[in-house]
Amino acid sequence: MTSDLDSGREHRGEEHPRGTLAVVALYGVLFVLGWFAIYLFIYLPRGPVTR
């Protein structure tokens, strides 16, 4: 015996988790931008590590 609430759960499970994907994508973009900024503004001006 299924109720209307059970069928609603199944329907929601078929949808794409757009909010979660947006958060992960935003985190990824911020990570790449941060890494690129560190590379451009810290690593390149100092030069490579040499002995």
N, C-alpha and C. Protein backbone atom coordinates (compact mmCIF):
# COMPACT_ATOMS: atom_id res chain seq x y z
N MET A 1 0.84 -1.18 0.00
CA MET A 1 0.00 0.00 0.00
C MET A 1 0.89 1.25 0.00
N THR A 2 0.77 2.05 -1.03
CA THR A 2 1.58 3.26 -1.12
C THR A 2 0.70 4.48 -0.94
N SER A 3 1.28 5.49 -0.34
CA SER A 3 0.55 6.74 -0.15
C SER A 3 1.05 7.78 -1.13
N ASP A 4 0.44 8.94 -1.13
CA ASP A 4 0.89 10.03 -1.99
C ASP A 4 2.28 10.50 -1.62
N LEU A 5 2.64 10.42 -0.34
CA LEU A 5 3.96 10.85 0.10
C LEU A 5 5.04 9.95 -0.47
N ASP A 6 4.77 8.64 -0.53
CA ASP A 6 5.76 7.72 -1.07
C ASP A 6 6.02 7.99 -2.55
N SER A 7 4.96 8.25 -3.32
CA SER A 7 5.16 8.52 -4.73
C SER A 7 5.89 9.84 -4.93
N GLY A 8 5.71 10.80 -4.03
CA GLY A 8 6.43 12.07 -4.10
C GLY A 8 7.91 11.87 -3.89
N ARG A 9 8.29 10.97 -3.01
CA ARG A 9 9.71 10.70 -2.77
C ARG A 9 10.35 10.09 -4.01
N GLU A 10 9.65 9.19 -4.67
CA GLU A 10 10.20 8.57 -5.87
C GLU A 10 10.37 9.61 -6.96
N HIS A 11 9.44 10.53 -7.08
CA HIS A 11 9.52 11.55 -8.12
C HIS A 11 10.70 12.49 -7.84
N ARG A 12 10.90 12.86 -6.59
CA ARG A 12 12.01 13.75 -6.26
C ARG A 12 13.35 13.07 -6.50
N GLY A 13 13.41 11.76 -6.35
CA GLY A 13 14.65 11.04 -6.57
C GLY A 13 15.09 11.04 -8.02
N GLU A 14 14.17 11.24 -8.94
CA GLU A 14 14.50 11.24 -10.36
C GLU A 14 15.04 12.58 -10.83
N GLU A 15 14.82 13.65 -10.08
CA GLU A 15 15.27 14.97 -10.49
C GLU A 15 16.77 15.11 -10.25
N HIS A 16 17.41 15.98 -11.01
CA HIS A 16 18.83 16.24 -10.84
C HIS A 16 19.04 17.15 -9.64
N PRO A 17 20.05 16.88 -8.83
CA PRO A 17 20.33 17.73 -7.65
C PRO A 17 21.05 19.01 -8.06
N ARG A 18 20.32 19.93 -8.69
CA ARG A 18 20.95 21.13 -9.24
C ARG A 18 21.62 21.98 -8.17
N GLY A 19 21.02 22.09 -7.01
CA GLY A 19 21.62 22.90 -5.94
C GLY A 19 22.95 22.33 -5.50
N THR A 20 23.02 21.03 -5.34
CA THR A 20 24.27 20.38 -4.93
C THR A 20 25.33 20.53 -6.01
N LEU A 21 24.95 20.33 -7.24
CA LEU A 21 25.91 20.47 -8.34
C LEU A 21 26.40 21.91 -8.44
N ALA A 22 25.52 22.87 -8.19
CA ALA A 22 25.93 24.27 -8.24
C ALA A 22 26.94 24.58 -7.14
N VAL A 23 26.72 24.04 -5.95
CA VAL A 23 27.66 24.28 -4.85
C VAL A 23 29.02 23.65 -5.16
N VAL A 24 29.01 22.44 -5.67
CA VAL A 24 30.27 21.75 -6.00
C VAL A 24 30.98 22.49 -7.13
N ALA A 25 30.24 22.92 -8.14
CA ALA A 25 30.85 23.66 -9.24
C ALA A 25 31.42 25.00 -8.76
N LEU A 26 30.69 25.69 -7.90
CA LEU A 26 31.19 26.96 -7.36
C LEU A 26 32.46 26.74 -6.56
N TYR A 27 32.49 25.69 -5.74
CA TYR A 27 33.69 25.38 -4.96
C TYR A 27 34.87 25.07 -5.89
N GLY A 28 34.61 24.32 -6.95
CA GLY A 28 35.66 24.00 -7.91
C GLY A 28 36.20 25.23 -8.61
N VAL A 29 35.31 26.12 -9.02
CA VAL A 29 35.74 27.35 -9.69
C VAL A 29 36.56 28.21 -8.74
N LEU A 30 36.10 28.35 -7.50
CA LEU A 30 36.85 29.14 -6.52
C LEU A 30 38.22 28.52 -6.24
N PHE A 31 38.30 27.20 -6.18
CA PHE A 31 39.56 26.53 -5.96
C PHE A 31 40.54 26.81 -7.10
N VAL A 32 40.07 26.67 -8.34
CA VAL A 32 40.92 26.89 -9.49
C VAL A 32 41.37 28.35 -9.56
N LEU A 33 40.46 29.28 -9.31
CA LEU A 33 40.83 30.70 -9.33
C LEU A 33 41.83 31.02 -8.23
N GLY A 34 41.65 30.44 -7.05
CA GLY A 34 42.59 30.66 -5.96
C GLY A 34 43.97 30.09 -6.27
N TRP A 35 44.00 28.90 -6.84
CA TRP A 35 45.27 28.29 -7.20
C TRP A 35 45.98 29.12 -8.27
N PHE A 36 45.23 29.57 -9.26
CA PHE A 36 45.80 30.37 -10.34
C PHE A 36 46.33 31.70 -9.81
N ALA A 37 45.62 32.31 -8.88
CA ALA A 37 46.07 33.58 -8.29
C ALA A 37 47.36 33.37 -7.50
N ILE A 38 47.44 32.30 -6.74
CA ILE A 38 48.68 32.01 -6.00
C ILE A 38 49.82 31.77 -6.97
N TYR A 39 49.55 31.05 -8.05
CA TYR A 39 50.59 30.78 -9.04
C TYR A 39 51.09 32.08 -9.68
N LEU A 40 50.16 32.96 -10.06
CA LEU A 40 50.55 34.19 -10.75
C LEU A 40 51.21 35.20 -9.83
N PHE A 41 50.66 35.37 -8.63
CA PHE A 41 51.10 36.48 -7.79
C PHE A 41 52.12 36.10 -6.71
N ILE A 42 52.34 34.81 -6.49
CA ILE A 42 53.33 34.41 -5.48
C ILE A 42 54.45 33.59 -6.12
N TYR A 43 54.08 32.53 -6.83
CA TYR A 43 55.11 31.63 -7.36
C TYR A 43 55.94 32.28 -8.47
N LEU A 44 55.27 32.85 -9.47
CA LEU A 44 56.02 33.41 -10.59
C LEU A 44 56.92 34.57 -10.19
N PRO A 45 56.48 35.52 -9.35
CA PRO A 45 57.41 36.59 -8.94
C PRO A 45 58.63 36.08 -8.17
N ARG A 46 58.47 35.03 -7.38
CA ARG A 46 59.61 34.50 -6.60
C ARG A 46 60.54 33.69 -7.47
N GLY A 47 60.02 33.07 -8.50
CA GLY A 47 60.82 32.21 -9.35
C GLY A 47 60.82 30.78 -8.81
N PRO A 48 61.33 29.86 -9.58
CA PRO A 48 61.35 28.46 -9.13
C PRO A 48 62.32 28.25 -7.97
N VAL A 49 62.06 27.21 -7.24
CA VAL A 49 62.92 26.88 -6.09
C VAL A 49 64.20 26.24 -6.62
N THR A 50 65.33 26.84 -6.28
CA THR A 50 66.63 26.30 -6.71
C THR A 50 67.56 26.25 -5.51
N ARG A 51 68.62 25.47 -5.64
CA ARG A 51 69.59 25.38 -4.54
C ARG A 51 70.86 26.04 -4.93
